[in-house]
Structure formats: C-alpha cells, structure tokens
Amino acid sequence: LAQTDILIDGPFVLAQKDLSLRFRGSRNQRVIDMNETRRLGRVALCREE
C-alpha cells in the first residue's frame, strides 16, 4: 500500500453497476486518494472531476 496512489474500496455489486464511473464499476465503491490519506492520517476520498 505504501506505493499505491489510488485504492478502490468495496466489492463490485452488479445491482449498482455503472460503467460511467471513473475507476470503479459500481456505485457502492469508494475511490480513496492514498497520498492524501497518508498525509492526513484518515481516509481521504478522491474528488470526482
């Protein structure tokens, strides 16, 4: 994890599938910014652009 920039958290749920999402396949998954998480000492989600 020390060399990870982005982490996708959560299982893929077919009922929540959404191919328009960036980096993830279903709406229940979180995109975690690992660099910011390490800097802040808490989970930091990536901002959608």
Protein backbone atom coordinates (compact mmCIF):
# COMPACT_ATOMS: atom_id res chain seq x y z
CA LEU A 1 0.00 0.00 0.00
CA ALA A 2 2.94 2.34 0.51
CA GLN A 3 3.37 2.63 -3.27
CA THR A 4 -0.37 2.93 -4.04
CA ASP A 5 -1.77 6.27 -5.23
CA ILE A 6 -5.43 5.29 -5.69
CA LEU A 7 -7.32 2.49 -3.94
CA ILE A 8 -10.76 1.20 -4.94
CA ASP A 9 -12.57 0.14 -1.77
CA GLY A 10 -15.60 -2.14 -1.71
CA PRO A 11 -16.93 -5.11 -3.64
CA PHE A 12 -18.40 -4.89 -7.11
CA VAL A 13 -22.20 -5.08 -6.79
CA LEU A 14 -23.91 -6.00 -10.04
CA ALA A 15 -27.16 -4.29 -9.00
CA GLN A 16 -25.22 -0.99 -8.66
CA LYS A 17 -23.19 -1.38 -11.85
CA ASP A 18 -22.42 1.93 -13.58
CA LEU A 19 -19.89 1.97 -16.41
CA SER A 20 -19.82 5.79 -16.46
CA LEU A 21 -17.94 5.89 -13.13
CA ARG A 22 -14.24 6.64 -13.25
CA PHE A 23 -12.00 3.80 -11.95
CA ARG A 24 -14.86 1.81 -10.40
CA GLY A 25 -17.60 -0.47 -11.64
CA SER A 26 -20.40 0.04 -9.13
CA ARG A 27 -21.75 2.97 -7.11
CA ASN A 28 -21.03 1.41 -3.72
CA GLN A 29 -17.26 1.51 -4.29
CA ARG A 30 -15.12 4.35 -2.94
CA VAL A 31 -12.07 5.84 -4.66
CA ILE A 32 -9.51 6.61 -1.97
CA ASP A 33 -6.61 9.03 -2.52
CA MET A 34 -3.85 7.15 -0.70
CA ASN A 35 -1.33 10.01 -0.78
CA GLU A 36 -3.81 12.36 0.91
CA THR A 37 -4.90 9.59 3.30
CA ARG A 38 -1.31 9.12 4.46
CA ARG A 39 -0.78 12.89 4.77
CA LEU A 40 -3.97 13.47 6.81
CA GLY A 41 -3.89 10.25 8.82
CA ARG A 42 -7.51 9.49 7.84
CA VAL A 43 -9.34 8.25 4.75
CA ALA A 44 -9.47 10.89 2.01
CA LEU A 45 -11.75 10.24 -0.94
CA CYS A 46 -10.74 11.36 -4.43
CA ARG A 47 -12.66 14.29 -5.77
CA GLU A 48 -14.58 13.44 -8.93
CA GLU A 49 -13.60 15.64 -11.87
